[in-house]
C-alpha atoms as a PDB file:
ATOM      1  CA  UNK A   1      20.024  18.386  73.057  1.00  0.00           C
ATOM      2  CA  UNK A   2      17.162  22.019  72.600  1.00  0.00           C
ATOM      3  CA  UNK A   3      13.834  22.526  73.225  1.00  0.00           C
ATOM      4  CA  UNK A   4      12.047  21.437  76.385  1.00  0.00           C
ATOM      5  CA  UNK A   5       8.980  19.294  75.934  1.00  0.00           C
ATOM      6  CA  UNK A   6       5.550  18.711  76.488  1.00  0.00           C
ATOM      7  CA  UNK A   7       4.426  15.382  78.461  1.00  0.00           C
ATOM      8  CA  UNK A   8       2.720  14.324  75.613  1.00  0.00           C
ATOM      9  CA  UNK A   9       5.026  14.782  72.758  1.00  0.00           C
ATOM     10  CA  UNK A  10       8.273  15.985  72.205  1.00  0.00           C
ATOM     11  CA  UNK A  11       9.158  18.474  69.884  1.00  0.00           C
ATOM     12  CA  UNK A  12      11.714  18.620  66.817  1.00  0.00           C
ATOM     13  CA  UNK A  13      12.573  21.785  64.559  1.00  0.00           C
ATOM     14  CA  UNK A  14      14.095  21.230  60.974  1.00  0.00           C
ATOM     15  CA  UNK A  15      15.672  24.737  59.296  1.00  0.00           C
ATOM     16  CA  UNK A  16      16.292  23.827  56.263  1.00  0.00           C
ATOM     17  CA  UNK A  17      16.095  26.432  53.112  1.00  0.00           C
ATOM     18  CA  UNK A  18      13.039  24.496  51.544  1.00  0.00           C
ATOM     19  CA  UNK A  19      10.515  25.595  54.037  1.00  0.00           C
ATOM     20  CA  UNK A  20      10.324  29.399  54.644  1.00  0.00           C
ATOM     21  CA  UNK A  21       7.691  31.290  56.072  1.00  0.00           C
ATOM     22  CA  UNK A  22       8.057  33.702  52.440  1.00  0.00           C
ATOM     23  CA  UNK A  23       5.627  31.342  51.153  1.00  0.00           C
ATOM     24  CA  UNK A  24       2.795  32.673  53.607  1.00  0.00           C
ATOM     25  CA  UNK A  25       2.670  29.163  55.880  1.00  0.00           C
ATOM     26  CA  UNK A  26       4.351  28.449  59.113  1.00  0.00           C
ATOM     27  CA  UNK A  27       5.076  24.346  59.594  1.00  0.00           C
ATOM     28  CA  UNK A  28       3.346  22.797  62.733  1.00  0.00           C
ATOM     29  CA  UNK A  29       0.981  19.653  62.577  1.00  0.00           C
ATOM     30  CA  UNK A  30       1.400  17.270  59.779  1.00  0.00           C
ATOM     31  CA  UNK A  31      -0.883  17.812  57.377  1.00  0.00           C
ATOM     32  CA  UNK A  32       1.156  21.415  56.861  1.00  0.00           C
ATOM     33  CA  UNK A  33       4.309  19.305  56.744  1.00  0.00           C
ATOM     34  CA  UNK A  34       2.874  17.640  53.913  1.00  0.00           C
ATOM     35  CA  UNK A  35       1.552  21.143  52.024  1.00  0.00           C
ATOM     36  CA  UNK A  36       5.088  22.218  51.881  1.00  0.00           C
ATOM     37  CA  UNK A  37       5.922  19.124  49.919  1.00  0.00           C
ATOM     38  CA  UNK A  38       2.784  19.380  47.480  1.00  0.00           C
ATOM     39  CA  UNK A  39       4.251  23.170  46.732  1.00  0.00           C
ATOM     40  CA  UNK A  40       7.317  21.409  45.077  1.00  0.00           C
ATOM     41  CA  UNK A  41       5.864  17.952  44.528  1.00  0.00           C
ATOM     42  CA  UNK A  42       6.554  18.697  40.306  1.00  0.00           C
ATOM     43  CA  UNK A  43      10.420  19.585  41.317  1.00  0.00           C
ATOM     44  CA  UNK A  44      10.958  16.935  44.011  1.00  0.00           C
ATOM     45  CA  UNK A  45      11.245  13.038  43.809  1.00  0.00           C
ATOM     46  CA  UNK A  46       7.852  11.314  46.257  1.00  0.00           C
ATOM     47  CA  UNK A  47       8.833   9.831  49.522  1.00  0.00           C
ATOM     48  CA  UNK A  48       9.240   5.999  49.027  1.00  0.00           C
ATOM     49  CA  UNK A  49       5.664   3.856  50.274  1.00  0.00           C
ATOM     50  CA  UNK A  50       7.794   2.169  52.992  1.00  0.00           C
ATOM     51  CA  UNK A  51       9.240   5.445  54.291  1.00  0.00           C
ATOM     52  CA  UNK A  52       5.647   7.678  54.457  1.00  0.00           C
ATOM     53  CA  UNK A  53       5.723  10.082  57.706  1.00  0.00           C
ATOM     54  CA  UNK A  54       3.131   9.166  59.864  1.00  0.00           C
ATOM     55  CA  UNK A  55       1.961   9.996  62.885  1.00  0.00           C
ATOM     56  CA  UNK A  56       4.163  13.097  63.478  1.00  0.00           C
ATOM     57  CA  UNK A  57       3.101  15.507  66.375  1.00  0.00           C
ATOM     58  CA  UNK A  58       1.466  19.209  66.078  1.00  0.00           C
ATOM     59  CA  UNK A  59       3.976  20.595  68.012  1.00  0.00           C
ATOM     60  CA  UNK A  60       6.547  19.471  65.569  1.00  0.00           C
ATOM     61  CA  UNK A  61       8.056  22.257  63.711  1.00  0.00           C
ATOM     62  CA  UNK A  62       9.940  23.306  61.044  1.00  0.00           C
ATOM     63  CA  UNK A  63      10.639  26.349  60.032  1.00  0.00           C
ATOM     64  CA  UNK A  64      13.364  28.231  58.395  1.00  0.00           C
ATOM     65  CA  UNK A  65      14.279  31.647  57.801  1.00  0.00           C
ATOM     66  CA  UNK A  66      16.411  31.901  54.970  1.00  0.00           C
ATOM     67  CA  UNK A  67      15.223  32.327  50.775  1.00  0.00           C
ATOM     68  CA  UNK A  68      13.434  29.005  49.371  1.00  0.00           C
ATOM     69  CA  UNK A  69      15.218  28.210  46.452  1.00  0.00           C
ATOM     70  CA  UNK A  70      14.049  28.588  42.602  1.00  0.00           C
ATOM     71  CA  UNK A  71      11.577  25.939  41.017  1.00  0.00           C
ATOM     72  CA  UNK A  72      14.235  25.838  38.431  1.00  0.00           C
ATOM     73  CA  UNK A  73      17.211  24.798  41.543  1.00  0.00           C
ATOM     74  CA  UNK A  74      15.488  21.346  41.820  1.00  0.00           C
ATOM     75  CA  UNK A  75      15.394  20.508  38.183  1.00  0.00           C
ATOM     76  CA  UNK A  76      18.993  20.642  37.819  1.00  0.00           C
ATOM     77  CA  UNK A  77      20.027  18.227  40.992  1.00  0.00           C
ATOM     78  CA  UNK A  78      20.517  14.414  40.339  1.00  0.00           C
ATOM     79  CA  UNK A  79      17.894  12.517  41.817  1.00  0.00           C
ATOM     80  CA  UNK A  80      18.587  10.590  45.347  1.00  0.00           C
ATOM     81  CA  UNK A  81      17.243   7.006  45.674  1.00  0.00           C
ATOM     82  CA  UNK A  82      17.100   4.355  48.601  1.00  0.00           C
ATOM     83  CA  UNK A  83      18.382   2.758  49.810  1.00  0.00           C
ATOM     84  CA  UNK A  84      20.677   5.866  51.027  1.00  0.00           C
ATOM     85  CA  UNK A  85      24.697   6.204  51.908  1.00  0.00           C
ATOM     86  CA  UNK A  86      24.847   7.587  55.496  1.00  0.00           C
ATOM     87  CA  UNK A  87      27.442   8.803  57.676  1.00  0.00           C
ATOM     88  CA  UNK A  88      26.694   9.314  61.314  1.00  0.00           C
ATOM     89  CA  UNK A  89      29.240  11.242  63.531  1.00  0.00           C
ATOM     90  CA  UNK A  90      29.471  10.102  67.503  1.00  0.00           C
ATOM     91  CA  UNK A  91      27.721   6.925  66.405  1.00  0.00           C
ATOM     92  CA  UNK A  92      28.687   4.640  68.971  1.00  0.00           C
ATOM     93  CA  UNK A  93      26.234   5.526  71.823  1.00  0.00           C
ATOM     94  CA  UNK A  94      23.298   7.623  72.346  1.00  0.00           C
ATOM     95  CA  UNK A  95      21.368   9.447  69.461  1.00  0.00           C
ATOM     96  CA  UNK A  96      23.593   8.907  67.050  1.00  0.00           C
ATOM     97  CA  UNK A  97      23.654   4.716  67.063  1.00  0.00           C
ATOM     98  CA  UNK A  98      19.701   5.163  67.738  1.00  0.00           C
ATOM     99  CA  UNK A  99      19.916   6.940  64.497  1.00  0.00           C
ATOM    100  CA  UNK A 100      22.140   4.410  62.756  1.00  0.00           C
ATOM    101  CA  UNK A 101      19.636   1.387  63.676  1.00  0.00           C
ATOM    102  CA  UNK A 102      17.172   3.191  62.658  1.00  0.00           C
ATOM    103  CA  UNK A 103      18.506   3.859  58.486  1.00  0.00           C
ATOM    104  CA  UNK A 104      19.110   0.117  58.356  1.00  0.00           C
ATOM    105  CA  UNK A 105      15.898  -1.052  59.548  1.00  0.00           C
ATOM    106  CA  UNK A 106      15.364   0.963  56.160  1.00  0.00           C
ATOM    107  CA  UNK A 107      17.748  -0.747  54.028  1.00  0.00           C
ATOM    108  CA  UNK A 108      20.180   1.965  53.786  1.00  0.00           C
ATOM    109  CA  UNK A 109      23.807   1.983  54.269  1.00  0.00           C
ATOM    110  CA  UNK A 110      25.497   3.267  57.574  1.00  0.00           C
ATOM    111  CA  UNK A 111      28.739   3.786  58.749  1.00  0.00           C
ATOM    112  CA  UNK A 112      29.358   5.017  62.250  1.00  0.00           C
ATOM    113  CA  UNK A 113      32.750   7.189  63.732  1.00  0.00           C
ATOM    114  CA  UNK A 114      33.695   7.863  66.464  1.00  0.00           C
ATOM    115  CA  UNK A 115      37.411   9.175  68.389  1.00  0.00           C
ATOM    116  CA  UNK A 116      37.625   5.776  70.273  1.00  0.00           C
ATOM    117  CA  UNK A 117      38.208   2.781  68.159  1.00  0.00           C
ATOM    118  CA  UNK A 118      36.950   0.416  71.357  1.00  0.00           C
ATOM    119  CA  UNK A 119      33.582   2.058  71.229  1.00  0.00           C
ATOM    120  CA  UNK A 120      33.359   1.623  67.249  1.00  0.00           C
ATOM    121  CA  UNK A 121      35.087  -1.722  67.031  1.00  0.00           C
ATOM    122  CA  UNK A 122      31.792  -3.050  69.909  1.00  0.00           C
ATOM    123  CA  UNK A 123      29.149  -0.346  67.646  1.00  0.00           C
ATOM    124  CA  UNK A 124      29.981  -2.580  64.059  1.00  0.00           C
ATOM    125  CA  UNK A 125      29.800  -5.651  65.441  1.00  0.00           C
ATOM    126  CA  UNK A 126      26.620  -5.431  67.019  1.00  0.00           C
ATOM    127  CA  UNK A 127      24.811  -3.731  64.358  1.00  0.00           C
ATOM    128  CA  UNK A 128      26.601  -6.722  61.856  1.00  0.00           C
ATOM    129  CA  UNK A 129      25.068  -8.584  64.027  1.00  0.00           C
ATOM    130  CA  UNK A 130      21.237  -7.638  63.958  1.00  0.00           C
ATOM    131  CA  UNK A 131      21.774  -5.889  59.891  1.00  0.00           C
ATOM    132  CA  UNK A 132      24.736  -8.469  58.419  1.00  0.00           C
ATOM    133  CA  UNK A 133      28.407  -7.325  57.434  1.00  0.00           C
ATOM    134  CA  UNK A 134      27.552  -5.305  54.402  1.00  0.00           C
ATOM    135  CA  UNK A 135      25.820  -2.393  55.538  1.00  0.00           C
ATOM    136  CA  UNK A 136      27.517  -1.393  58.218  1.00  0.00           C
ATOM    137  CA  UNK A 137      31.191   0.338  58.165  1.00  0.00           C
ATOM    138  CA  UNK A 138      33.007   1.617  60.960  1.00  0.00           C
ATOM    139  CA  UNK A 139      36.335   4.127  61.726  1.00  0.00           C
ATOM    140  CA  UNK A 140      37.949   6.105  64.580  1.00  0.00           C
ATOM    141  CA  UNK A 141      37.838   9.931  63.714  1.00  0.00           C
ATOM    142  CA  UNK A 142      38.455  13.086  65.855  1.00  0.00           C
ATOM    143  CA  UNK A 143      36.207  15.777  64.914  1.00  0.00           C
ATOM    144  CA  UNK A 144      38.406  18.235  66.677  1.00  0.00           C
ATOM    145  CA  UNK A 145      41.255  17.034  64.293  1.00  0.00           C
ATOM    146  CA  UNK A 146      41.268  17.859  60.684  1.00  0.00           C
ATOM    147  CA  UNK A 147      43.467  14.973  59.665  1.00  0.00           C
ATOM    148  CA  UNK A 148      40.962  12.353  61.110  1.00  0.00           C
ATOM    149  CA  UNK A 149      37.971  13.947  58.803  1.00  0.00           C
ATOM    150  CA  UNK A 150      39.725  13.877  55.861  1.00  0.00           C
ATOM    151  CA  UNK A 151      41.021  10.596  56.613  1.00  0.00           C
ATOM    152  CA  UNK A 152      37.049  10.058  57.354  1.00  0.00           C
ATOM    153  CA  UNK A 153      36.393  10.851  54.272  1.00  0.00           C
ATOM    154  CA  UNK A 154      38.947   8.673  52.019  1.00  0.00           C
ATOM    155  CA  UNK A 155      37.457   6.349  53.987  1.00  0.00           C
ATOM    156  CA  UNK A 156      33.420   7.256  52.719  1.00  0.00           C
ATOM    157  CA  UNK A 157      34.925   7.709  49.005  1.00  0.00           C
ATOM    158  CA  UNK A 158      37.033   4.053  49.561  1.00  0.00           C
ATOM    159  CA  UNK A 159      33.813   2.211  50.897  1.00  0.00           C
ATOM    160  CA  UNK A 160      30.598   3.741  49.437  1.00  0.00           C
ATOM    161  CA  UNK A 161      32.150   6.319  46.906  1.00  0.00           C
ATOM    162  CA  UNK A 162      29.716   8.773  47.444  1.00  0.00           C
ATOM    163  CA  UNK A 163      27.586   9.765  50.865  1.00  0.00           C
ATOM    164  CA  UNK A 164      24.362  10.706  50.566  1.00  0.00           C
ATOM    165  CA  UNK A 165      23.498  12.188  54.316  1.00  0.00           C
ATOM    166  CA  UNK A 166      26.048  13.563  56.555  1.00  0.00           C
ATOM    167  CA  UNK A 167      24.528  13.490  60.181  1.00  0.00           C
ATOM    168  CA  UNK A 168      26.762  15.630  62.470  1.00  0.00           C
ATOM    169  CA  UNK A 169      25.879  14.198  66.042  1.00  0.00           C
ATOM    170  CA  UNK A 170      29.156  14.160  67.612  1.00  0.00           C
ATOM    171  CA  UNK A 171      29.154  16.590  70.864  1.00  0.00           C
ATOM    172  CA  UNK A 172      31.010  16.975  74.125  1.00  0.00           C
ATOM    173  CA  UNK A 173      29.856  18.208  77.623  1.00  0.00           C
ATOM    174  CA  UNK A 174      32.970  17.293  78.974  1.00  0.00           C
ATOM    175  CA  UNK A 175      33.143  19.807  82.057  1.00  0.00           C
ATOM    176  CA  UNK A 176      29.546  17.446  83.077  1.00  0.00           C
ATOM    177  CA  UNK A 177      26.680  19.437  85.189  1.00  0.00           C
ATOM    178  CA  UNK A 178      28.269  21.894  87.396  1.00  0.00           C
ATOM    179  CA  UNK A 179      28.432  25.743  87.280  1.00  0.00           C
ATOM    180  CA  UNK A 180      30.993  27.921  84.923  1.00  0.00           C
ATOM    181  CA  UNK A 181      33.456  28.621  87.444  1.00  0.00           C
ATOM    182  CA  UNK A 182      34.664  24.812  88.687  1.00  0.00           C
ATOM    183  CA  UNK A 183      35.557  24.053  84.672  1.00  0.00           C
ATOM    184  CA  UNK A 184      39.196  24.126  84.082  1.00  0.00           C
ATOM    185  CA  UNK A 185      41.081  25.233  80.937  1.00  0.00           C
ATOM    186  CA  UNK A 186      41.163  21.843  79.623  1.00  0.00           C
ATOM    187  CA  UNK A 187      37.497  21.128  79.983  1.00  0.00           C
ATOM    188  CA  UNK A 188      36.452  24.589  78.468  1.00  0.00           C
ATOM    189  CA  UNK A 189      38.977  23.487  75.332  1.00  0.00           C
ATOM    190  CA  UNK A 190      37.596  20.089  74.808  1.00  0.00           C
ATOM    191  CA  UNK A 191      33.937  21.272  74.457  1.00  0.00           C
ATOM    192  CA  UNK A 192      34.365  24.307  72.501  1.00  0.00           C
ATOM    193  CA  UNK A 193      36.577  21.877  69.839  1.00  0.00           C
ATOM    194  CA  UNK A 194      34.546  19.376  69.802  1.00  0.00           C
ATOM    195  CA  UNK A 195      30.771  21.328  69.081  1.00  0.00           C
ATOM    196  CA  UNK A 196      32.059  23.837  67.235  1.00  0.00           C
ATOM    197  CA  UNK A 197      35.596  23.595  65.771  1.00  0.00           C
ATOM    198  CA  UNK A 198      34.668  19.730  64.799  1.00  0.00           C
ATOM    199  CA  UNK A 199      31.481  20.918  63.888  1.00  0.00           C
ATOM    200  CA  UNK A 200      33.396  22.995  61.426  1.00  0.00           C
ATOM    201  CA  UNK A 201      35.148  21.029  60.057  1.00  0.00           C
ATOM    202  CA  UNK A 202      33.357  18.088  59.335  1.00  0.00           C
ATOM    203  CA  UNK A 203      30.941  20.677  57.337  1.00  0.00           C
ATOM    204  CA  UNK A 204      34.098  22.534  55.304  1.00  0.00           C
ATOM    205  CA  UNK A 205      35.105  18.436  54.595  1.00  0.00           C
ATOM    206  CA  UNK A 206      31.084  17.120  53.945  1.00  0.00           C
ATOM    207  CA  UNK A 207      30.479  19.718  51.885  1.00  0.00           C
ATOM    208  CA  UNK A 208      33.925  19.637  49.203  1.00  0.00           C
ATOM    209  CA  UNK A 209      33.106  16.067  49.253  1.00  0.00           C
ATOM    210  CA  UNK A 210      28.988  16.535  48.156  1.00  0.00           C
ATOM    211  CA  UNK A 211      30.325  19.272  45.634  1.00  0.00           C
ATOM    212  CA  UNK A 212      32.322  16.177  43.565  1.00  0.00           C
ATOM    213  CA  UNK A 213      29.007  13.925  44.035  1.00  0.00           C
ATOM    214  CA  UNK A 214      26.633  14.215  40.745  1.00  0.00           C
ATOM    215  CA  UNK A 215      24.201  13.800  43.288  1.00  0.00           C
ATOM    216  CA  UNK A 216      24.453  16.620  45.988  1.00  0.00           C
ATOM    217  CA  UNK A 217      24.362  14.839  49.242  1.00  0.00           C
ATOM    218  CA  UNK A 218      22.786  16.980  51.913  1.00  0.00           C
ATOM    219  CA  UNK A 219      24.147  17.566  55.345  1.00  0.00           C
ATOM    220  CA  UNK A 220      22.113  17.730  58.863  1.00  0.00           C
ATOM    221  CA  UNK A 221      23.808  19.313  62.457  1.00  0.00           C
ATOM    222  CA  UNK A 222      22.461  18.355  65.139  1.00  0.00           C
ATOM    223  CA  UNK A 223      22.557  20.955  67.848  1.00  0.00           C
ATOM    224  CA  UNK A 224      21.692  20.714  71.378  1.00  0.00           C
ATOM    225  CA  UNK A 225      20.514  22.528  74.496  1.00  0.00           C
ATOM    226  CA  UNK A 226      20.780  26.196  73.735  1.00  0.00           C
ATOM    227  CA  UNK A 227      20.621  26.557  70.528  1.00  0.00           C
ATOM    228  CA  UNK A 228      17.103  28.718  70.749  1.00  0.00           C
ATOM    229  CA  UNK A 229      18.896  30.989  73.033  1.00  0.00           C
ATOM    230  CA  UNK A 230      17.639  30.472  76.221  1.00  0.00           C
ATOM    231  CA  UNK A 231      20.481  30.113  79.044  1.00  0.00           C
ATOM    232  CA  UNK A 232      22.019  26.650  80.489  1.00  0.00           C
ATOM    233  CA  UNK A 233      22.953  26.964  83.801  1.00  0.00           C
ATOM    234  CA  UNK A 234      25.517  24.241  84.905  1.00  0.00           C
ATOM    235  CA  UNK A 235      26.452  23.550  81.050  1.00  0.00           C
ATOM    236  CA  UNK A 236      26.894  26.972  79.469  1.00  0.00           C
ATOM    237  CA  UNK A 237      29.455  26.265  77.446  1.00  0.00           C
ATOM    238  CA  UNK A 238      27.879  23.356  75.995  1.00  0.00           C
ATOM    239  CA  UNK A 239      24.584  25.713  75.297  1.00  0.00           C
ATOM    240  CA  UNK A 240      26.582  28.790  73.743  1.00  0.00           C
ATOM    241  CA  UNK A 241      28.924  26.128  71.105  1.00  0.00           C
ATOM    242  CA  UNK A 242      24.671  25.159  70.623  1.00  0.00           C
ATOM    243  CA  UNK A 243      23.904  28.069  69.633  1.00  0.00           C
ATOM    244  CA  UNK A 244      26.540  28.181  67.811  1.00  0.00           C
ATOM    245  CA  UNK A 245      25.386  25.656  65.049  1.00  0.00           C
ATOM    246  CA  UNK A 246      22.789  27.446  64.231  1.00  0.00           C
ATOM    247  CA  UNK A 247      24.137  30.732  62.982  1.00  0.00           C
ATOM    248  CA  UNK A 248      26.844  28.129  60.932  1.00  0.00           C
ATOM    249  CA  UNK A 249      23.728  26.380  59.766  1.00  0.00           C
ATOM    250  CA  UNK A 250      22.477  29.738  58.458  1.00  0.00           C
ATOM    251  CA  UNK A 251      25.431  31.071  57.030  1.00  0.00           C
ATOM    252  CA  UNK A 252      26.151  27.558  55.114  1.00  0.00           C
ATOM    253  CA  UNK A 253      23.236  27.620  53.450  1.00  0.00           C
ATOM    254  CA  UNK A 254      24.095  31.380  52.587  1.00  0.00           C
ATOM    255  CA  UNK A 255      26.755  30.752  50.660  1.00  0.00           C
ATOM    256  CA  UNK A 256      25.843  27.636  49.058  1.00  0.00           C
ATOM    257  CA  UNK A 257      23.641  30.007  48.122  1.00  0.00           C
ATOM    258  CA  UNK A 258      25.680  32.759  46.651  1.00  0.00           C
ATOM    259  CA  UNK A 259      27.744  29.735  44.841  1.00  0.00           C
ATOM    260  CA  UNK A 260      25.008  28.356  43.177  1.00  0.00           C
ATOM    261  CA  UNK A 261      25.128  25.753  44.797  1.00  0.00           C
ATOM    262  CA  UNK A 262      21.555  23.984  43.689  1.00  0.00           C
ATOM    263  CA  UNK A 263      22.507  19.715  45.420  1.00  0.00           C
ATOM    264  CA  UNK A 264      24.345  20.440  47.962  1.00  0.00           C
ATOM    265  CA  UNK A 265      21.993  21.095  51.138  1.00  0.00           C
ATOM    266  CA  UNK A 266      22.625  21.874  55.032  1.00  0.00           C
ATOM    267  CA  UNK A 267      19.593  21.556  57.443  1.00  0.00           C
ATOM    268  CA  UNK A 268      19.382  22.356  61.441  1.00  0.00           C
ATOM    269  CA  UNK A 269      17.690  19.327  63.067  1.00  0.00           C
ATOM    270  CA  UNK A 270      17.088  20.487  66.685  1.00  0.00           C
ATOM    271  CA  UNK A 271      15.340  17.095  68.349  1.00  0.00           C
ATOM    272  CA  UNK A 272      14.852  18.254  71.086  1.00  0.00           C
ATOM    273  CA  UNK A 273      16.294  18.324  75.023  1.00  0.00           C
ATOM    274  CA  UNK A 274      16.599  14.431  75.492  1.00  0.00           C
ATOM    275  CA  UNK A 275      17.939  12.041  78.203  1.00  0.00           C
ATOM    276  CA  UNK A 276      21.919  11.250  77.228  1.00  0.00           C
ATOM    277  CA  UNK A 277      25.340  10.703  78.930  1.00  0.00           C
ATOM    278  CA  UNK A 278      26.427  13.895  77.725  1.00  0.00           C
ATOM    279  CA  UNK A 279      24.453  16.208  79.838  1.00  0.00           C
ATOM    280  CA  UNK A 280      23.671  13.598  82.662  1.00  0.00           C
ATOM    281  CA  UNK A 281      26.695  13.599  83.823  1.00  0.00           C
ATOM    282  CA  UNK A 282      27.519  14.944  87.057  1.00  0.00           C
ATOM    283  CA  UNK A 283      23.708  14.506  88.101  1.00  0.00           C
ATOM    284  CA  UNK A 284      21.830  11.619  89.248  1.00  0.00           C
ATOM    285  CA  UNK A 285      18.701  11.396  86.506  1.00  0.00           C
ATOM    286  CA  UNK A 286      16.179  12.958  88.740  1.00  0.00           C
ATOM    287  CA  UNK A 287      17.785  15.698  89.430  1.00  0.00           C
ATOM    288  CA  UNK A 288      19.415  16.231  86.060  1.00  0.00           C
ATOM    289  CA  UNK A 289      15.296  15.861  84.443  1.00  0.00           C
ATOM    290  CA  UNK A 290      14.114  17.912  87.129  1.00  0.00           C
ATOM    291  CA  UNK A 291      16.595  20.592  86.272  1.00  0.00           C
ATOM    292  CA  UNK A 292      16.776  20.759  82.282  1.00  0.00           C
ATOM    293  CA  UNK A 293      13.311  20.036  82.213  1.00  0.00           C
ATOM    294  CA  UNK A 294      13.676  16.557  80.035  1.00  0.00           C
ATOM    295  CA  UNK A 295      10.695  15.129  79.274  1.00  0.00           C
ATOM    296  CA  UNK A 296      11.049  12.915  76.008  1.00  0.00           C
ATOM    297  CA  UNK A 297      13.524   9.592  75.829  1.00  0.00           C
ATOM    298  CA  UNK A 298      15.520   8.945  73.023  1.00  0.00           C
ATOM    299  CA  UNK A 299      13.533   6.459  71.138  1.00  0.00           C
ATOM    300  CA  UNK A 300      10.418   8.861  70.407  1.00  0.00           C
ATOM    301  CA  UNK A 301      12.976  11.753  69.127  1.00  0.00           C
ATOM    302  CA  UNK A 302      14.755   9.605  67.691  1.00  0.00           C
ATOM    303  CA  UNK A 303      11.589   8.528  65.659  1.00  0.00           C
ATOM    304  CA  UNK A 304      11.027  12.216  64.358  1.00  0.00           C
ATOM    305  CA  UNK A 305      14.363  12.651  63.991  1.00  0.00           C
ATOM    306  CA  UNK A 306      14.487   9.179  61.583  1.00  0.00           C
ATOM    307  CA  UNK A 307      10.917  11.211  59.925  1.00  0.00           C
ATOM    308  CA  UNK A 308      11.726  14.356  59.516  1.00  0.00           C
ATOM    309  CA  UNK A 309      15.602  13.431  57.707  1.00  0.00           C
ATOM    310  CA  UNK A 310      13.372  11.312  55.283  1.00  0.00           C
ATOM    311  CA  UNK A 311      10.980  14.180  54.326  1.00  0.00           C
ATOM    312  CA  UNK A 312      13.853  16.713  54.064  1.00  0.00           C
ATOM    313  CA  UNK A 313      16.270  14.166  51.695  1.00  0.00           C
ATOM    314  CA  UNK A 314      14.190  13.875  49.579  1.00  0.00           C
ATOM    315  CA  UNK A 315      12.928  17.691  48.903  1.00  0.00           C
END
């Protein structure tokens, strides 16, 4: 994932068009996060009592260079109330799967997907055993293929009618932990098509879907190591594609403003660099942690991601 973390807490950066330096505040401590919500409180839903933000580390960040929407834009948005319908790509393992469990714990409805039908089936079975048959769905989807993503949208509309939250989490580090000169053409194509092209296709189809929903929706693009511009030696292609996530998110925010779209919002979420199979392939855990300065473990980062997701769907 993206930025390094301290040993005492996990860093998390969320870029949203609703939070801006233009208001004269830079969000860092949880008290300032609440202050930013207070500025918009007459135009937003309140956060459900069971989902209050708590214990967010002081170094957690919410930041954006984009212009905040005008107050009247909030007034035209159909309220979104829980339980939410949530789609998470790349969600049969790692942070995606952990986020799915967290949403289910809160009573939401979740669709998971992966390019592996076997992993989807196994994950859906495990989640249904824990949370029940009626709140979990799964389908095979290769985000690199436009037709697959269109079929995913059809699946969502058939089973849930609409999606409140679309989380783009699918990613690949195909050539593992080694220098770029040792990567094959196939490896590079896998990384670029999954992390860059796949994200573009998913954003395109998610926006199309949400434009036709009176309640609109929120799209969260999860980036990763390299998104902040710092070098990512031994997984250079991965870092380059994750840098593009931030640019795509900001461009989509600008496009939606230009089209005067008020109820579809695109966010960028940087959970911080965490130990996952994606980055650990090709290196033992101790070596990889030392090299890329991974100090956060998934459970803590997932909790922070989840709390920020809930904070921003109420804006």
